[in-house]
Amino acid sequence: MIIVHHLNNSRSQRVLWLLEELDLPYEIRPYQRDTKTMLAPPELRKVHPLGKSPVISDGDITVAESGAIIEYLVDKAGASLRPRAGTAEQRRYTYWMHFAEGSAMPPLVMKLVFDRLRSAPMPFFAKPIARGIADRVIASFIAPNIERHLQFMEHELGGRPWFTGDAFTAADVQMSFPLETSAARGGLDARFPKLTDWLARIHARPAYRRALGKGGPYAYAS
């Protein structure tokens, strides 16, 4: 039996979604973030040394990292939700599987860090300096990178309904977290109709709704 070590409001929600799409049996072992630090609890280190989520157990096999977990589950299900090898769709599939965490997420994480820096407790005389630095980094580097990525993704969806082509694949599951994060933080607006429509369609999928029901409240879900 596959065990999903599920941290609330985390990337592990898309693992539950993929398991529902693949119709693989699984069990959820829930973990809650620390309400002050928003970090994962130390109990997760007993599962994997880094103590982060997502991570799954399958018998004596432990798999961490979203992309690795997705590939493992897709293989386990007989390569369902992955394009045929050697096709243009398969090449796009590989690209988007890596793009999600390698390109899309880093500036979003940086924005979260600098946004928190603006409101972090500190001596009153240091606040204007910290806020000024944070605002400058966000405006000059982080926001332009996020904008460029969103424009690129919008363009790529202009000629196809899903990121790899005409068919929904596990790459769409992988891409869900950066786009839900962007939407939750106000990055998606009327300039990105294709991305907004894509989000609406994944949220409407029965497997997505089932995963949401089993995984509990999810801040980035509509």
C-alpha atoms as a PDB file:
ATOM      1  CA  MET A   1       0.000   0.000   0.000  1.00  0.00           C
ATOM      2  CA  ILE A   2       1.276   3.455  -0.917  1.00  0.00           C
ATOM      3  CA  ILE A   3       1.441   5.837   2.042  1.00  0.00           C
ATOM      4  CA  VAL A   4       1.391   9.564   1.314  1.00  0.00           C
ATOM      5  CA  HIS A   5       3.026  11.538   4.105  1.00  0.00           C
ATOM      6  CA  HIS A   6       0.745  14.484   3.561  1.00  0.00           C
ATOM      7  CA  LEU A   7       1.623  17.946   4.867  1.00  0.00           C
ATOM      8  CA  ASN A   8      -1.246  20.414   4.867  1.00  0.00           C
ATOM      9  CA  ASN A   9      -1.074  23.207   2.250  1.00  0.00           C
ATOM     10  CA  SER A  10       1.875  21.698   0.444  1.00  0.00           C
ATOM     11  CA  ARG A  11       2.996  20.105  -2.788  1.00  0.00           C
ATOM     12  CA  SER A  12       1.789  16.738  -1.527  1.00  0.00           C
ATOM     13  CA  GLN A  13      -1.775  17.726  -2.507  1.00  0.00           C
ATOM     14  CA  ARG A  14      -0.876  17.149  -6.152  1.00  0.00           C
ATOM     15  CA  VAL A  15       0.426  13.675  -5.242  1.00  0.00           C
ATOM     16  CA  LEU A  16      -3.021  12.809  -3.868  1.00  0.00           C
ATOM     17  CA  TRP A  17      -4.543  14.198  -7.053  1.00  0.00           C
ATOM     18  CA  LEU A  18      -2.288  12.080  -9.260  1.00  0.00           C
ATOM     19  CA  LEU A  19      -3.088   8.945  -7.256  1.00  0.00           C
ATOM     20  CA  GLU A  20      -6.780   9.623  -7.808  1.00  0.00           C
ATOM     21  CA  GLU A  21      -6.213  10.156 -11.534  1.00  0.00           C
ATOM     22  CA  LEU A  22      -4.281   6.874 -11.755  1.00  0.00           C
ATOM     23  CA  ASP A  23      -6.806   5.022  -9.550  1.00  0.00           C
ATOM     24  CA  LEU A  24      -4.023   3.655  -7.350  1.00  0.00           C
ATOM     25  CA  PRO A  25      -4.917   2.661  -3.764  1.00  0.00           C
ATOM     26  CA  TYR A  26      -3.213   4.706  -1.061  1.00  0.00           C
ATOM     27  CA  GLU A  27      -3.327   5.757   2.559  1.00  0.00           C
ATOM     28  CA  ILE A  28      -2.873   9.288   3.891  1.00  0.00           C
ATOM     29  CA  ARG A  29      -0.657   9.921   6.900  1.00  0.00           C
ATOM     30  CA  PRO A  30      -1.331  13.574   7.807  1.00  0.00           C
ATOM     31  CA  TYR A  31       1.108  16.117   9.220  1.00  0.00           C
ATOM     32  CA  GLN A  32       0.399  19.705  10.236  1.00  0.00           C
ATOM     33  CA  ARG A  33       2.643  22.726   9.799  1.00  0.00           C
ATOM     34  CA  ASP A  34       3.814  24.665  12.813  1.00  0.00           C
ATOM     35  CA  THR A  35       1.360  27.558  13.020  1.00  0.00           C
ATOM     36  CA  LYS A  36       4.099  30.100  13.846  1.00  0.00           C
ATOM     37  CA  THR A  37       6.917  29.073  11.509  1.00  0.00           C
ATOM     38  CA  MET A  38       4.772  27.298   8.874  1.00  0.00           C
ATOM     39  CA  LEU A  39       7.494  24.615   8.753  1.00  0.00           C
ATOM     40  CA  ALA A  40       6.877  20.870   8.600  1.00  0.00           C
ATOM     41  CA  PRO A  41       6.893  19.032  11.948  1.00  0.00           C
ATOM     42  CA  PRO A  42      10.049  17.111  13.002  1.00  0.00           C
ATOM     43  CA  GLU A  43       8.156  13.814  12.692  1.00  0.00           C
ATOM     44  CA  LEU A  44       8.655  13.944   8.926  1.00  0.00           C
ATOM     45  CA  ARG A  45      12.398  13.485   9.442  1.00  0.00           C
ATOM     46  CA  LYS A  46      11.670   9.936  10.552  1.00  0.00           C
ATOM     47  CA  VAL A  47      10.360   9.302   7.040  1.00  0.00           C
ATOM     48  CA  HIS A  48      13.040  11.212   5.093  1.00  0.00           C
ATOM     49  CA  PRO A  49      16.175  12.933   6.477  1.00  0.00           C
ATOM     50  CA  LEU A  50      15.213  16.336   5.049  1.00  0.00           C
ATOM     51  CA  GLY A  51      11.843  16.246   6.804  1.00  0.00           C
ATOM     52  CA  LYS A  52       9.972  17.811   3.897  1.00  0.00           C
ATOM     53  CA  SER A  53       6.857  16.985   1.920  1.00  0.00           C
ATOM     54  CA  PRO A  54       5.885  15.391  -0.399  1.00  0.00           C
ATOM     55  CA  VAL A  55       7.276  11.986   0.365  1.00  0.00           C
ATOM     56  CA  ILE A  56       5.663   8.590  -0.155  1.00  0.00           C
ATOM     57  CA  SER A  57       6.344   5.101   1.168  1.00  0.00           C
ATOM     58  CA  ASP A  58       5.598   1.992  -0.860  1.00  0.00           C
ATOM     59  CA  GLY A  59       6.595  -1.037   1.177  1.00  0.00           C
ATOM     60  CA  ASP A  60      10.317  -0.640   1.859  1.00  0.00           C
ATOM     61  CA  ILE A  61      10.648   2.042  -0.862  1.00  0.00           C
ATOM     62  CA  THR A  62      10.663   5.728   0.073  1.00  0.00           C
ATOM     63  CA  VAL A  63      10.428   8.364  -2.653  1.00  0.00           C
ATOM     64  CA  ALA A  64      10.807  12.127  -2.128  1.00  0.00           C
ATOM     65  CA  GLU A  65      10.626  15.167  -4.451  1.00  0.00           C
ATOM     66  CA  SER A  66       7.489  15.884  -6.481  1.00  0.00           C
ATOM     67  CA  GLY A  67       8.935  15.038  -9.890  1.00  0.00           C
ATOM     68  CA  ALA A  68      10.469  11.772  -8.710  1.00  0.00           C
ATOM     69  CA  ILE A  69       7.237  10.759  -6.991  1.00  0.00           C
ATOM     70  CA  ILE A  70       5.187  11.526 -10.086  1.00  0.00           C
ATOM     71  CA  GLU A  71       7.511   9.484 -12.307  1.00  0.00           C
ATOM     72  CA  TYR A  72       7.429   6.590  -9.830  1.00  0.00           C
ATOM     73  CA  LEU A  73       3.632   6.562  -9.679  1.00  0.00           C
ATOM     74  CA  VAL A  74       3.226   6.913 -13.440  1.00  0.00           C
ATOM     75  CA  ASP A  75       5.593   3.952 -13.931  1.00  0.00           C
ATOM     76  CA  LYS A  76       3.687   1.951 -11.331  1.00  0.00           C
ATOM     77  CA  ALA A  77       0.427   2.584 -13.169  1.00  0.00           C
ATOM     78  CA  GLY A  78       1.850   1.304 -16.465  1.00  0.00           C
ATOM     79  CA  ALA A  79       2.943   4.701 -17.847  1.00  0.00           C
ATOM     80  CA  SER A  80      -0.615   6.039 -17.870  1.00  0.00           C
ATOM     81  CA  LEU A  81      -0.722   9.849 -18.179  1.00  0.00           C
ATOM     82  CA  ARG A  82       2.655   9.985 -19.930  1.00  0.00           C
ATOM     83  CA  PRO A  83       3.027  10.498 -23.702  1.00  0.00           C
ATOM     84  CA  ARG A  84       4.532   7.833 -25.912  1.00  0.00           C
ATOM     85  CA  ALA A  85       8.351   7.896 -26.030  1.00  0.00           C
ATOM     86  CA  GLY A  86       9.970   9.632 -28.977  1.00  0.00           C
ATOM     87  CA  THR A  87       7.064  11.997 -29.662  1.00  0.00           C
ATOM     88  CA  ALA A  88       6.933  15.778 -29.525  1.00  0.00           C
ATOM     89  CA  GLU A  89       4.423  15.415 -26.687  1.00  0.00           C
ATOM     90  CA  GLN A  90       6.918  13.340 -24.705  1.00  0.00           C
ATOM     91  CA  ARG A  91       9.598  16.004 -25.130  1.00  0.00           C
ATOM     92  CA  ARG A  92       7.195  18.691 -23.929  1.00  0.00           C
ATOM     93  CA  TYR A  93       6.196  16.419 -21.051  1.00  0.00           C
ATOM     94  CA  THR A  94       9.810  16.174 -19.887  1.00  0.00           C
ATOM     95  CA  TYR A  95      10.280  19.920 -20.253  1.00  0.00           C
ATOM     96  CA  TRP A  96       7.264  20.884 -18.163  1.00  0.00           C
ATOM     97  CA  MET A  97       8.030  18.269 -15.517  1.00  0.00           C
ATOM     98  CA  HIS A  98      11.354  20.057 -14.925  1.00  0.00           C
ATOM     99  CA  PHE A  99      10.122  23.603 -15.590  1.00  0.00           C
ATOM    100  CA  ALA A 100       7.604  23.542 -12.733  1.00  0.00           C
ATOM    101  CA  GLU A 101      10.166  23.340  -9.942  1.00  0.00           C
ATOM    102  CA  GLY A 102      13.316  24.351 -11.810  1.00  0.00           C
ATOM    103  CA  SER A 103      12.088  27.635 -13.338  1.00  0.00           C
ATOM    104  CA  ALA A 104       8.571  28.555 -12.185  1.00  0.00           C
ATOM    105  CA  MET A 105       8.845  28.010  -8.426  1.00  0.00           C
ATOM    106  CA  PRO A 106      12.158  29.722  -7.469  1.00  0.00           C
ATOM    107  CA  PRO A 107      10.971  33.332  -8.056  1.00  0.00           C
ATOM    108  CA  LEU A 108       7.648  32.541  -6.354  1.00  0.00           C
ATOM    109  CA  VAL A 109       9.513  31.241  -3.300  1.00  0.00           C
ATOM    110  CA  MET A 110      11.762  34.303  -3.343  1.00  0.00           C
ATOM    111  CA  LYS A 111       8.719  36.569  -3.408  1.00  0.00           C
ATOM    112  CA  LEU A 112       7.281  34.750  -0.391  1.00  0.00           C
ATOM    113  CA  VAL A 113      10.559  35.208   1.501  1.00  0.00           C
ATOM    114  CA  PHE A 114      10.856  38.918   0.704  1.00  0.00           C
ATOM    115  CA  ASP A 115       7.178  39.545   1.434  1.00  0.00           C
ATOM    116  CA  ARG A 116       7.721  38.023   4.877  1.00  0.00           C
ATOM    117  CA  LEU A 117      10.849  40.123   5.344  1.00  0.00           C
ATOM    118  CA  ARG A 118       8.732  43.258   4.900  1.00  0.00           C
ATOM    119  CA  SER A 119       6.529  42.303   7.867  1.00  0.00           C
ATOM    120  CA  ALA A 120       9.072  40.460  10.031  1.00  0.00           C
ATOM    121  CA  PRO A 121       9.537  41.650  13.644  1.00  0.00           C
ATOM    122  CA  MET A 122      12.569  43.920  13.946  1.00  0.00           C
ATOM    123  CA  PRO A 123      13.654  47.158  15.642  1.00  0.00           C
ATOM    124  CA  PHE A 124      11.581  50.107  14.423  1.00  0.00           C
ATOM    125  CA  PHE A 125      14.595  51.893  12.928  1.00  0.00           C
ATOM    126  CA  ALA A 126      15.420  48.857  10.771  1.00  0.00           C
ATOM    127  CA  LYS A 127      11.945  48.412   9.294  1.00  0.00           C
ATOM    128  CA  PRO A 128      12.195  51.124   6.594  1.00  0.00           C
ATOM    129  CA  ILE A 129      15.571  49.748   5.483  1.00  0.00           C
ATOM    130  CA  ALA A 130      14.344  46.145   5.313  1.00  0.00           C
ATOM    131  CA  ARG A 131      11.167  47.127   3.494  1.00  0.00           C
ATOM    132  CA  GLY A 132      13.104  49.277   1.051  1.00  0.00           C
ATOM    133  CA  ILE A 133      15.480  46.429   0.225  1.00  0.00           C
ATOM    134  CA  ALA A 134      12.618  43.939  -0.125  1.00  0.00           C
ATOM    135  CA  ASP A 135      10.602  46.265  -2.349  1.00  0.00           C
ATOM    136  CA  ARG A 136      13.584  46.955  -4.586  1.00  0.00           C
ATOM    137  CA  VAL A 137      14.472  43.274  -5.025  1.00  0.00           C
ATOM    138  CA  ILE A 138      10.842  42.346  -5.741  1.00  0.00           C
ATOM    139  CA  ALA A 139      10.338  45.178  -8.245  1.00  0.00           C
ATOM    140  CA  SER A 140      13.659  44.868 -10.069  1.00  0.00           C
ATOM    141  CA  PHE A 141      14.187  41.107 -10.146  1.00  0.00           C
ATOM    142  CA  ILE A 142      11.482  38.864  -8.715  1.00  0.00           C
ATOM    143  CA  ALA A 143       8.313  40.373 -10.211  1.00  0.00           C
ATOM    144  CA  PRO A 144       9.764  40.654 -13.759  1.00  0.00           C
ATOM    145  CA  ASN A 145      10.810  36.999 -13.650  1.00  0.00           C
ATOM    146  CA  ILE A 146       7.375  35.857 -12.489  1.00  0.00           C
ATOM    147  CA  GLU A 147       5.740  37.976 -15.177  1.00  0.00           C
ATOM    148  CA  ARG A 148       8.011  36.574 -17.894  1.00  0.00           C
ATOM    149  CA  HIS A 149       7.263  32.994 -16.839  1.00  0.00           C
ATOM    150  CA  LEU A 150       3.513  33.615 -16.832  1.00  0.00           C
ATOM    151  CA  GLN A 151       3.630  35.192 -20.274  1.00  0.00           C
ATOM    152  CA  PHE A 152       5.604  32.220 -21.560  1.00  0.00           C
ATOM    153  CA  MET A 153       3.155  29.702 -20.118  1.00  0.00           C
ATOM    154  CA  GLU A 154       0.191  31.663 -21.482  1.00  0.00           C
ATOM    155  CA  HIS A 155       1.766  31.598 -24.936  1.00  0.00           C
ATOM    156  CA  GLU A 156       2.444  27.856 -24.732  1.00  0.00           C
ATOM    157  CA  LEU A 157      -1.201  27.134 -23.910  1.00  0.00           C
ATOM    158  CA  GLY A 158      -2.311  29.247 -26.859  1.00  0.00           C
ATOM    159  CA  GLY A 159      -2.042  26.361 -29.285  1.00  0.00           C
ATOM    160  CA  ARG A 160      -3.015  23.416 -27.075  1.00  0.00           C
ATOM    161  CA  PRO A 161      -5.404  22.737 -24.182  1.00  0.00           C
ATOM    162  CA  TRP A 162      -2.828  20.991 -21.964  1.00  0.00           C
ATOM    163  CA  PHE A 163       0.859  21.608 -21.422  1.00  0.00           C
ATOM    164  CA  THR A 164       2.005  18.616 -23.469  1.00  0.00           C
ATOM    165  CA  GLY A 165      -0.656  18.745 -26.177  1.00  0.00           C
ATOM    166  CA  ASP A 166      -4.236  17.618 -26.675  1.00  0.00           C
ATOM    167  CA  ALA A 167      -4.218  15.130 -23.782  1.00  0.00           C
ATOM    168  CA  PHE A 168      -4.066  15.705 -20.038  1.00  0.00           C
ATOM    169  CA  THR A 169      -0.855  14.224 -18.564  1.00  0.00           C
ATOM    170  CA  ALA A 170       1.026  14.035 -15.289  1.00  0.00           C
ATOM    171  CA  ALA A 171       2.959  17.137 -16.383  1.00  0.00           C
ATOM    172  CA  ASP A 172      -0.254  19.111 -15.832  1.00  0.00           C
ATOM    173  CA  VAL A 173      -0.334  17.743 -12.292  1.00  0.00           C
ATOM    174  CA  GLN A 174       3.244  18.883 -11.772  1.00  0.00           C
ATOM    175  CA  MET A 175       2.469  22.336 -13.160  1.00  0.00           C
ATOM    176  CA  SER A 176      -0.516  22.844 -10.874  1.00  0.00           C
ATOM    177  CA  PHE A 177       1.410  24.017  -7.820  1.00  0.00           C
ATOM    178  CA  PRO A 178       3.258  26.989  -9.363  1.00  0.00           C
ATOM    179  CA  LEU A 179       0.115  28.167 -11.143  1.00  0.00           C
ATOM    180  CA  GLU A 180      -2.102  27.794  -8.092  1.00  0.00           C
ATOM    181  CA  THR A 181       0.545  29.664  -6.123  1.00  0.00           C
ATOM    182  CA  SER A 182       0.594  32.436  -8.729  1.00  0.00           C
ATOM    183  CA  ALA A 183      -3.190  32.694  -8.697  1.00  0.00           C
ATOM    184  CA  ALA A 184      -3.370  32.769  -4.893  1.00  0.00           C
ATOM    185  CA  ARG A 185      -0.859  35.624  -4.728  1.00  0.00           C
ATOM    186  CA  GLY A 186      -2.584  37.766  -7.313  1.00  0.00           C
ATOM    187  CA  GLY A 187      -0.301  37.022 -10.237  1.00  0.00           C
ATOM    188  CA  LEU A 188      -3.017  35.806 -12.608  1.00  0.00           C
ATOM    189  CA  ASP A 189      -5.429  38.348 -14.000  1.00  0.00           C
ATOM    190  CA  ALA A 190      -7.330  39.098 -17.206  1.00  0.00           C
ATOM    191  CA  ARG A 191      -4.056  39.183 -19.152  1.00  0.00           C
ATOM    192  CA  PHE A 192      -3.762  35.403 -18.766  1.00  0.00           C
ATOM    193  CA  PRO A 193      -7.061  33.874 -19.965  1.00  0.00           C
ATOM    194  CA  LYS A 194      -5.479  30.583 -21.074  1.00  0.00           C
ATOM    195  CA  LEU A 195      -3.856  29.976 -17.704  1.00  0.00           C
ATOM    196  CA  THR A 196      -7.032  30.958 -15.870  1.00  0.00           C
ATOM    197  CA  ASP A 197      -9.068  28.566 -18.011  1.00  0.00           C
ATOM    198  CA  TRP A 198      -6.515  25.794 -17.454  1.00  0.00           C
ATOM    199  CA  LEU A 199      -6.801  26.244 -13.684  1.00  0.00           C
ATOM    200  CA  ALA A 200     -10.595  26.146 -13.856  1.00  0.00           C
ATOM    201  CA  ARG A 201     -10.471  22.906 -15.857  1.00  0.00           C
ATOM    202  CA  ILE A 202      -8.102  21.119 -13.458  1.00  0.00           C
ATOM    203  CA  HIS A 203     -10.196  22.243 -10.489  1.00  0.00           C
ATOM    204  CA  ALA A 204     -13.262  20.745 -12.159  1.00  0.00           C
ATOM    205  CA  ARG A 205     -11.692  17.311 -12.662  1.00  0.00           C
ATOM    206  CA  PRO A 206     -13.394  14.649 -10.495  1.00  0.00           C
ATOM    207  CA  ALA A 207     -10.035  13.233  -9.367  1.00  0.00           C
ATOM    208  CA  TYR A 208      -8.922  16.685  -8.241  1.00  0.00           C
ATOM    209  CA  ARG A 209     -12.107  17.152  -6.231  1.00  0.00           C
ATOM    210  CA  ARG A 210     -11.768  13.703  -4.637  1.00  0.00           C
ATOM    211  CA  ALA A 211      -8.170  14.428  -3.639  1.00  0.00           C
ATOM    212  CA  LEU A 212      -9.214  17.743  -2.151  1.00  0.00           C
ATOM    213  CA  GLY A 213     -11.869  16.016  -0.077  1.00  0.00           C
ATOM    214  CA  LYS A 214      -9.424  13.434   1.241  1.00  0.00           C
ATOM    215  CA  GLY A 215      -6.477  15.743   1.767  1.00  0.00           C
ATOM    216  CA  GLY A 216      -8.355  18.424   3.679  1.00  0.00           C
ATOM    217  CA  PRO A 217      -8.529  22.198   3.185  1.00  0.00           C
ATOM    218  CA  TYR A 218      -6.007  23.498   0.678  1.00  0.00           C
ATOM    219  CA  ALA A 219      -5.280  27.218   0.607  1.00  0.00           C
ATOM    220  CA  TYR A 220      -4.362  27.270  -3.091  1.00  0.00           C
ATOM    221  CA  ALA A 221      -7.474  25.470  -4.298  1.00  0.00           C
ATOM    222  CA  SER A 222     -10.572  27.268  -5.497  1.00  0.00           C
END
